[in-house]
Amino acid sequence: MTAPRPTPAPTHGQRPEHGWYVGQLIDGRYQIVELLWSGATAHVCRARHPVLGRTFALKTLRTECCRDAEWVQRLLREARALASLNHPNIVAVLDQGWLPSGEPYFVMEYAQGASLERLLREGPLPLDVALDIAGSICDALEAAHQLGIVHRDLKPENIRVDVRGKLAVKVLDFGLAQFAGLQRLTRPSTTHGTPQYMSPEQINGTPTDARTDLYSLGVMLYEMLCGQLPFSAQSYLALAHQHGYAPPPPLERWLPANHPALQLEPLVMRLLQKNRELRFQSAAEVGQALAPFQAYAAALRLRMETMGKAVPADKAAMPPGPAKPAAPAGARPTMPLELPPGFAARPLRYTTLAFWAALGVCLGGALWQWAM
């Protein structure tokens, strides 16, 4: 990655206001194809290298943010941090440079797939998919935390998921990250993050650490399993109060009885502890706790898919079983339950045993009365 070079004061008027260099060739290497995303502080576009024929993502600051030296330094720090992270679940930074108008930019690999936020619009995720995504995020966080990097803005919009073939997950946007051993850029009493996913310590303005990211992971895991956020309010103050003091609703509020995801409730609630000392203490520890559930969910899906392929055609129109309990008002529709084979038959098996036991008691009583 090229080192920052001295540049004259940016002449912001040279930068196209709406076209954002679309169609232009930047630094003789990156042809801007389209603007992918424009946020409060930065733009991300799709760029193509005309010689290599590869597609990349190019990120730079909005013009007004470039007037603030803190935001410029933050962008460059993000580039350096991502360049130091060589992990399959973290988007890789490949190059850095300067736009014709003086703003810095950096080039990343182009992550395929859709954002986790886009997937969650359809409701809860299948159990095995939710657990695999959470496990991949844990792996990415552990790699970042080992280098003293705390993301501080984990949310579904910053998670890219490619479901084609083998599931691939990428963590994006380290723009608000905290770096160990470096001067803090955030101004005093300034709060950064997305309120729905912010930890109590972020909301209170107290120092953050790796466990801050684990709280945000807990919020996302809750949402992936239930299709609902643990906390929701119309105002920032009400939402901040819930994150700081209110217990999250149990998973059964949104999920039908006997849903296999209910087994994850202790793990999710530990991630959402207000006191960070009561949470998991590392992403690796969370990954270890998730591993048995991931193995179970993967085996469950494989077995059900195998059973599904083996179902004879004349049995495909069998009447459905008992109706599922109605979800609470306001809940998103849940995806089909993936219960273990024979799970639904167990209550019937126990009822049959109880029937024969009761019958035996009655017959025994009758014989005793007859003998008397």
Protein backbone atom coordinates (compact mmCIF):
# COMPACT_ATOMS: atom_id res chain seq x y z
CA MET A 1 0.00 0.00 0.00
CA THR A 2 1.48 3.36 -1.00
CA ALA A 3 2.36 5.81 1.74
CA PRO A 4 0.42 9.08 1.97
CA ARG A 5 2.02 11.66 -0.26
CA PRO A 6 2.06 15.43 0.31
CA THR A 7 -0.83 17.06 -1.52
CA PRO A 8 -2.05 20.60 -1.87
CA ALA A 9 -5.22 21.62 -0.04
CA PRO A 10 -8.11 19.78 -1.70
CA THR A 11 -9.97 21.79 -4.29
CA HIS A 12 -13.37 20.39 -3.48
CA GLY A 13 -15.07 22.14 -6.33
CA GLN A 14 -13.31 19.83 -8.82
CA ARG A 15 -15.12 16.78 -7.53
CA PRO A 16 -18.30 15.84 -9.43
CA GLU A 17 -21.27 16.32 -7.15
CA HIS A 18 -23.52 13.58 -8.50
CA GLY A 19 -21.55 11.54 -11.04
CA TRP A 20 -18.77 10.74 -8.55
CA TYR A 21 -16.15 10.02 -11.21
CA VAL A 22 -18.31 7.32 -12.81
CA GLY A 23 -16.63 6.33 -16.08
CA GLN A 24 -13.34 7.99 -15.19
CA LEU A 25 -9.99 6.26 -14.73
CA ILE A 26 -8.45 6.91 -11.30
CA ASP A 27 -4.64 6.86 -11.03
CA GLY A 28 -4.53 5.20 -14.43
CA ARG A 29 -5.65 1.89 -12.84
CA TYR A 30 -9.21 1.93 -11.55
CA GLN A 31 -12.13 2.72 -13.80
CA ILE A 32 -15.18 3.72 -11.74
CA VAL A 33 -18.17 1.64 -12.83
CA GLU A 34 -20.89 2.68 -10.38
CA LEU A 35 -21.53 4.16 -6.97
CA LEU A 36 -22.50 1.26 -4.71
CA TRP A 37 -23.19 3.01 -1.43
CA SER A 38 -23.09 6.52 -0.02
CA GLY A 39 -23.22 7.03 3.74
CA ALA A 40 -22.90 9.94 6.13
CA THR A 41 -19.11 10.03 5.88
CA ALA A 42 -17.97 7.91 2.93
CA HIS A 43 -18.67 6.65 -0.57
CA VAL A 44 -18.02 3.12 -1.82
CA CYS A 45 -18.02 2.38 -5.52
CA ARG A 46 -17.36 -0.53 -7.83
CA ALA A 47 -14.22 -0.15 -9.89
CA ARG A 48 -12.60 -2.26 -12.58
CA HIS A 49 -8.94 -2.62 -13.41
CA PRO A 50 -8.86 -2.37 -17.24
CA VAL A 51 -5.67 -4.41 -17.61
CA LEU A 52 -6.28 -7.14 -15.05
CA GLY A 53 -9.99 -7.32 -15.75
CA ARG A 54 -10.72 -7.60 -12.02
CA THR A 55 -13.44 -5.86 -10.04
CA PHE A 56 -12.64 -4.02 -6.81
CA ALA A 57 -14.39 -1.84 -4.24
CA LEU A 58 -13.03 1.67 -3.79
CA LYS A 59 -13.79 3.72 -0.66
CA THR A 60 -13.25 7.43 -0.05
CA LEU A 61 -14.64 10.16 2.18
CA ARG A 62 -17.43 12.54 1.35
CA THR A 63 -16.17 15.96 0.36
CA GLU A 64 -17.36 17.69 3.52
CA CYS A 65 -15.66 15.09 5.74
CA CYS A 66 -12.32 15.69 4.00
CA ARG A 67 -12.29 19.17 5.55
CA ASP A 68 -11.92 17.46 8.93
CA ALA A 69 -8.41 16.10 9.49
CA GLU A 70 -9.78 13.55 11.99
CA TRP A 71 -11.88 11.83 9.32
CA VAL A 72 -8.99 11.77 6.87
CA GLN A 73 -6.76 10.15 9.49
CA ARG A 74 -9.53 7.71 10.34
CA LEU A 75 -9.85 6.57 6.72
CA LEU A 76 -6.09 6.05 6.45
CA ARG A 77 -6.05 4.14 9.73
CA GLU A 78 -8.85 1.93 8.49
CA ALA A 79 -6.83 1.18 5.36
CA ARG A 80 -3.73 0.33 7.40
CA ALA A 81 -5.70 -1.82 9.82
CA LEU A 82 -7.39 -3.84 7.10
CA ALA A 83 -4.08 -4.21 5.26
CA SER A 84 -2.60 -5.77 8.41
CA LEU A 85 -5.45 -8.28 8.70
CA ASN A 86 -5.00 -11.30 6.48
CA HIS A 87 -8.10 -13.33 7.20
CA PRO A 88 -10.66 -14.99 4.90
CA ASN A 89 -13.58 -13.45 6.83
CA ILE A 90 -12.28 -9.87 6.67
CA VAL A 91 -12.34 -7.86 3.47
CA ALA A 92 -8.77 -7.31 2.21
CA VAL A 93 -7.25 -3.92 1.39
CA LEU A 94 -5.06 -3.97 -1.72
CA ASP A 95 -4.06 -0.40 -2.52
CA GLN A 96 -4.28 3.25 -1.43
CA GLY A 97 -4.12 6.50 -3.35
CA TRP A 98 -5.51 9.99 -3.86
CA LEU A 99 -8.36 11.25 -6.02
CA PRO A 100 -7.71 14.12 -8.47
CA SER A 101 -9.42 16.52 -6.04
CA GLY A 102 -7.09 15.52 -3.19
CA GLU A 103 -9.21 13.09 -1.16
CA PRO A 104 -7.62 9.81 -0.04
CA TYR A 105 -9.08 6.51 -1.12
CA PHE A 106 -8.29 2.84 -0.65
CA VAL A 107 -9.05 -0.21 -2.75
CA MET A 108 -10.53 -3.42 -1.32
CA GLU A 109 -11.48 -6.80 -2.69
CA TYR A 110 -15.01 -6.79 -4.05
CA ALA A 111 -17.06 -8.95 -1.66
CA GLN A 112 -19.69 -11.00 -3.48
CA GLY A 113 -23.16 -11.68 -2.13
CA ALA A 114 -25.62 -9.56 -0.17
CA SER A 115 -25.48 -7.77 3.14
CA LEU A 116 -26.79 -9.59 6.18
CA GLU A 117 -29.25 -6.73 6.56
CA ARG A 118 -30.71 -7.61 3.16
CA LEU A 119 -31.09 -11.27 4.13
CA LEU A 120 -32.79 -10.37 7.41
CA ARG A 121 -35.52 -8.47 5.59
CA GLU A 122 -37.00 -11.89 4.77
CA GLY A 123 -37.20 -12.87 8.45
CA PRO A 124 -35.20 -15.30 10.62
CA LEU A 125 -32.43 -17.28 8.99
CA PRO A 126 -32.28 -21.09 8.93
CA LEU A 127 -30.56 -22.30 12.08
CA ASP A 128 -27.46 -23.71 10.36
CA VAL A 129 -26.98 -20.54 8.27
CA ALA A 130 -27.33 -18.25 11.31
CA LEU A 131 -24.80 -20.31 13.27
CA ASP A 132 -22.31 -20.47 10.40
CA ILE A 133 -22.50 -16.70 9.94
CA ALA A 134 -22.01 -16.13 13.68
CA GLY A 135 -19.07 -18.55 13.72
CA SER A 136 -17.40 -16.77 10.79
CA ILE A 137 -17.85 -13.39 12.50
CA CYS A 138 -16.24 -14.85 15.64
CA ASP A 139 -13.24 -15.97 13.59
CA ALA A 140 -12.90 -12.50 12.04
CA LEU A 141 -13.22 -10.75 15.41
CA GLU A 142 -10.65 -12.99 17.05
CA ALA A 143 -8.14 -12.15 14.30
CA ALA A 144 -8.82 -8.42 14.71
CA HIS A 145 -8.78 -8.49 18.51
CA GLN A 146 -5.46 -10.33 18.52
CA LEU A 147 -4.00 -7.27 16.78
CA GLY A 148 -5.68 -4.87 19.21
CA ILE A 149 -8.37 -3.78 16.74
CA VAL A 150 -11.95 -3.37 18.03
CA HIS A 151 -14.53 -2.89 15.28
CA ARG A 152 -17.10 -0.88 17.35
CA ASP A 153 -19.70 -0.77 14.57
CA LEU A 154 -20.76 -4.37 13.99
CA LYS A 155 -24.19 -4.50 12.37
CA PRO A 156 -25.86 -6.47 9.56
CA GLU A 157 -25.02 -3.77 7.01
CA ASN A 158 -21.32 -4.42 7.66
CA ILE A 159 -21.53 -8.17 7.14
CA ARG A 160 -21.41 -9.51 3.58
CA VAL A 161 -22.77 -13.01 2.97
CA ASP A 162 -22.39 -15.05 -0.20
CA VAL A 163 -24.70 -18.07 -0.12
CA ARG A 164 -23.68 -19.44 -3.51
CA GLY A 165 -21.95 -22.76 -3.00
CA LYS A 166 -20.08 -22.81 0.30
CA LEU A 167 -21.19 -20.02 2.63
CA ALA A 168 -18.73 -17.11 2.60
CA VAL A 169 -18.85 -14.28 5.15
CA LYS A 170 -16.89 -11.02 5.12
CA VAL A 171 -16.73 -8.36 7.84
CA LEU A 172 -16.54 -4.86 6.36
CA ASP A 173 -16.12 -1.22 7.40
CA PHE A 174 -13.58 -0.75 10.15
CA GLY A 175 -14.05 3.02 9.88
CA LEU A 176 -14.95 3.42 13.57
CA ALA A 177 -12.43 0.87 14.81
CA GLN A 178 -10.31 1.40 17.91
CA PHE A 179 -6.62 0.58 17.59
CA ALA A 180 -4.46 -0.45 20.54
CA GLY A 181 -1.40 1.72 21.11
CA LEU A 182 -2.59 4.57 18.88
CA GLN A 183 -3.87 7.98 19.86
CA ARG A 184 -7.64 8.03 20.25
CA LEU A 185 -9.29 10.01 17.47
CA THR A 186 -12.79 10.16 18.86
CA ARG A 187 -13.46 13.44 20.60
CA PRO A 188 -14.42 13.30 24.29
CA SER A 189 -18.13 12.61 24.94
CA THR A 190 -18.56 11.58 21.30
CA THR A 191 -20.56 8.40 20.72
CA HIS A 192 -19.95 6.33 17.59
CA GLY A 193 -21.87 3.32 16.38
CA THR A 194 -25.37 2.28 15.37
CA PRO A 195 -27.82 2.57 18.31
CA GLN A 196 -29.64 -0.74 17.69
CA TYR A 197 -26.35 -2.66 17.97
CA MET A 198 -24.36 -0.52 20.42
CA SER A 199 -23.17 -1.92 23.73
CA PRO A 200 -24.05 -0.27 27.05
CA GLU A 201 -20.48 0.99 27.40
CA GLN A 202 -20.65 2.70 24.00
CA ILE A 203 -23.92 4.38 24.90
CA ASN A 204 -22.53 5.50 28.26
CA GLY A 205 -19.36 6.83 26.64
CA THR A 206 -17.07 4.59 28.70
CA PRO A 207 -13.95 2.90 27.25
CA THR A 208 -14.56 0.02 24.85
CA ASP A 209 -12.69 -3.24 24.34
CA ALA A 210 -13.06 -6.54 22.51
CA ARG A 211 -16.11 -7.47 24.58
CA THR A 212 -17.91 -4.49 23.07
CA ASP A 213 -17.94 -6.29 19.72
CA LEU A 214 -19.27 -9.44 21.40
CA TYR A 215 -22.34 -7.55 22.62
CA SER A 216 -23.04 -6.37 19.07
CA LEU A 217 -22.57 -9.94 17.86
CA GLY A 218 -25.17 -11.03 20.44
CA VAL A 219 -27.68 -8.52 19.06
CA MET A 220 -27.10 -9.80 15.52
CA LEU A 221 -27.36 -13.46 16.58
CA TYR A 222 -30.64 -12.70 18.37
CA GLU A 223 -31.93 -11.04 15.19
CA MET A 224 -30.77 -13.89 12.95
CA LEU A 225 -32.56 -16.46 15.12
CA CYS A 226 -35.77 -14.53 15.86
CA GLY A 227 -36.14 -12.06 13.00
CA GLN A 228 -36.49 -9.33 15.64
CA LEU A 229 -34.13 -7.01 17.46
CA PRO A 230 -33.91 -7.54 21.22
CA PHE A 231 -34.50 -3.82 21.78
CA SER A 232 -36.54 -1.40 19.71
CA ALA A 233 -37.78 2.11 20.45
CA GLN A 234 -38.89 5.27 18.67
CA SER A 235 -36.22 7.49 20.20
CA TYR A 236 -32.50 7.21 20.84
CA LEU A 237 -32.95 7.89 24.57
CA ALA A 238 -35.53 5.11 24.96
CA LEU A 239 -33.33 2.69 23.02
CA ALA A 240 -30.27 3.66 25.05
CA HIS A 241 -32.19 3.03 28.27
CA GLN A 242 -33.20 -0.46 27.08
CA HIS A 243 -29.62 -1.37 26.17
CA GLY A 244 -28.43 -0.07 29.52
CA TYR A 245 -31.05 -1.45 31.88
CA ALA A 246 -33.78 -3.62 30.29
CA PRO A 247 -33.38 -7.40 30.03
CA PRO A 248 -33.74 -8.71 26.47
CA PRO A 249 -36.98 -10.61 25.79
CA PRO A 250 -36.58 -14.41 25.81
CA LEU A 251 -36.31 -16.07 22.42
CA GLU A 252 -39.58 -17.91 23.01
CA ARG A 253 -41.39 -14.59 22.67
CA TRP A 254 -40.77 -14.82 18.93
CA LEU A 255 -40.22 -18.53 18.30
CA PRO A 256 -42.74 -21.40 18.48
CA ALA A 257 -42.45 -23.96 21.24
CA ASN A 258 -39.85 -26.69 20.65
CA HIS A 259 -37.96 -24.60 18.10
CA PRO A 260 -34.35 -25.89 18.14
CA ALA A 261 -32.98 -22.32 18.33
CA LEU A 262 -34.35 -22.04 21.87
CA GLN A 263 -31.40 -24.17 23.00
CA LEU A 264 -29.14 -21.19 22.19
CA GLU A 265 -30.86 -18.83 24.62
CA PRO A 266 -28.24 -19.10 27.42
CA LEU A 267 -25.46 -18.35 24.93
CA VAL A 268 -27.29 -15.36 23.42
CA MET A 269 -28.22 -13.93 26.81
CA ARG A 270 -24.62 -14.19 27.99
CA LEU A 271 -23.49 -12.17 24.99
CA LEU A 272 -26.10 -9.53 25.88
CA GLN A 273 -25.04 -9.07 29.49
CA LYS A 274 -24.94 -5.38 30.50
CA ASN A 275 -21.81 -5.99 32.57
CA ARG A 276 -19.02 -6.94 30.16
CA GLU A 277 -17.34 -8.98 32.89
CA LEU A 278 -20.31 -11.40 32.68
CA ARG A 279 -20.11 -11.79 28.89
CA PHE A 280 -17.84 -14.17 27.04
CA GLN A 281 -14.36 -12.74 27.37
CA SER A 282 -13.14 -13.42 23.82
CA ALA A 283 -14.45 -14.17 20.35
CA ALA A 284 -12.59 -17.48 20.47
CA GLU A 285 -14.59 -18.45 23.56
CA VAL A 286 -17.84 -17.64 21.75
CA GLY A 287 -16.72 -19.71 18.76
CA GLN A 288 -16.03 -22.68 21.00
CA ALA A 289 -19.48 -22.37 22.57
CA LEU A 290 -21.10 -22.20 19.12
CA ALA A 291 -19.22 -25.18 17.67
CA PRO A 292 -21.45 -27.97 19.07
CA PHE A 293 -24.57 -26.18 17.87
CA GLN A 294 -23.03 -25.66 14.43
CA ALA A 295 -22.22 -29.37 14.16
CA TYR A 296 -25.72 -30.33 15.27
CA ALA A 297 -27.40 -27.91 12.83
CA ALA A 298 -25.21 -29.04 9.91
CA ALA A 299 -25.90 -32.72 10.62
CA LEU A 300 -29.60 -31.94 10.99
CA ARG A 301 -29.79 -30.23 7.62
CA LEU A 302 -27.82 -33.00 5.91
CA ARG A 303 -30.03 -35.70 7.41
CA MET A 304 -33.26 -33.88 6.53
CA GLU A 305 -32.09 -33.23 2.97
CA THR A 306 -31.21 -36.93 2.65
CA MET A 307 -34.58 -37.95 4.01
CA GLY A 308 -36.32 -35.47 1.74
CA LYS A 309 -34.71 -36.99 -1.35
CA ALA A 310 -35.73 -40.47 -0.23
CA VAL A 311 -39.45 -39.62 0.22
CA PRO A 312 -41.51 -41.62 -2.33
CA ALA A 313 -43.61 -39.59 -4.76
CA ASP A 314 -46.86 -41.16 -3.53
CA LYS A 315 -46.09 -39.92 0.01
CA ALA A 316 -45.41 -36.34 -1.01
CA ALA A 317 -49.05 -35.30 -0.54
CA MET A 318 -49.39 -36.51 3.05
CA PRO A 319 -51.57 -34.19 5.18
CA PRO A 320 -49.65 -31.72 7.34
CA GLY A 321 -49.15 -32.35 11.05
CA PRO A 322 -50.63 -30.30 13.89
CA ALA A 323 -50.74 -26.56 13.37
CA LYS A 324 -47.86 -24.58 14.85
CA PRO A 325 -48.59 -22.11 17.66
CA ALA A 326 -49.43 -18.66 16.37
CA ALA A 327 -46.58 -16.15 16.58
CA PRO A 328 -47.10 -13.04 18.76
CA ALA A 329 -48.54 -9.94 17.13
CA GLY A 330 -45.88 -8.00 15.26
CA ALA A 331 -43.50 -10.92 14.84
CA ARG A 332 -42.05 -11.68 11.45
CA PRO A 333 -43.05 -15.00 9.91
CA THR A 334 -40.63 -17.72 10.89
CA MET A 335 -38.99 -20.00 8.35
CA PRO A 336 -39.95 -23.68 8.31
CA LEU A 337 -38.71 -25.42 11.43
CA GLU A 338 -35.90 -27.89 10.95
CA LEU A 339 -36.60 -30.28 13.82
CA PRO A 340 -34.62 -33.48 14.29
CA PRO A 341 -36.13 -36.53 12.57
CA GLY A 342 -38.63 -38.17 14.89
CA PHE A 343 -38.81 -35.05 17.09
CA ALA A 344 -42.53 -34.54 16.47
CA ALA A 345 -43.22 -38.23 17.08
CA ARG A 346 -41.71 -38.29 20.56
CA PRO A 347 -44.72 -36.78 22.38
CA LEU A 348 -46.93 -39.45 20.77
CA ARG A 349 -44.48 -42.16 21.91
CA TYR A 350 -44.59 -40.87 25.47
CA THR A 351 -48.40 -40.63 25.37
CA THR A 352 -48.61 -44.27 24.24
CA LEU A 353 -46.41 -45.40 27.13
CA ALA A 354 -48.50 -43.42 29.58
CA PHE A 355 -51.69 -44.99 28.19
CA TRP A 356 -50.41 -48.55 28.66
CA ALA A 357 -49.12 -47.74 32.14
CA ALA A 358 -52.50 -46.33 33.18
CA LEU A 359 -54.27 -49.33 31.66
CA GLY A 360 -52.02 -51.69 33.60
CA VAL A 361 -52.80 -49.89 36.87
CA CYS A 362 -56.55 -50.10 36.18
CA LEU A 363 -56.43 -53.81 35.32
CA GLY A 364 -54.30 -54.54 38.36
CA GLY A 365 -56.79 -52.75 40.58
CA ALA A 366 -59.69 -54.64 39.04
CA LEU A 367 -57.99 -58.01 39.56
CA TRP A 368 -57.22 -57.11 43.17
CA GLN A 369 -60.86 -56.23 43.81
CA TRP A 370 -61.97 -59.50 42.13
CA ALA A 371 -59.58 -61.54 44.28
CA MET A 372 -60.96 -59.94 47.43
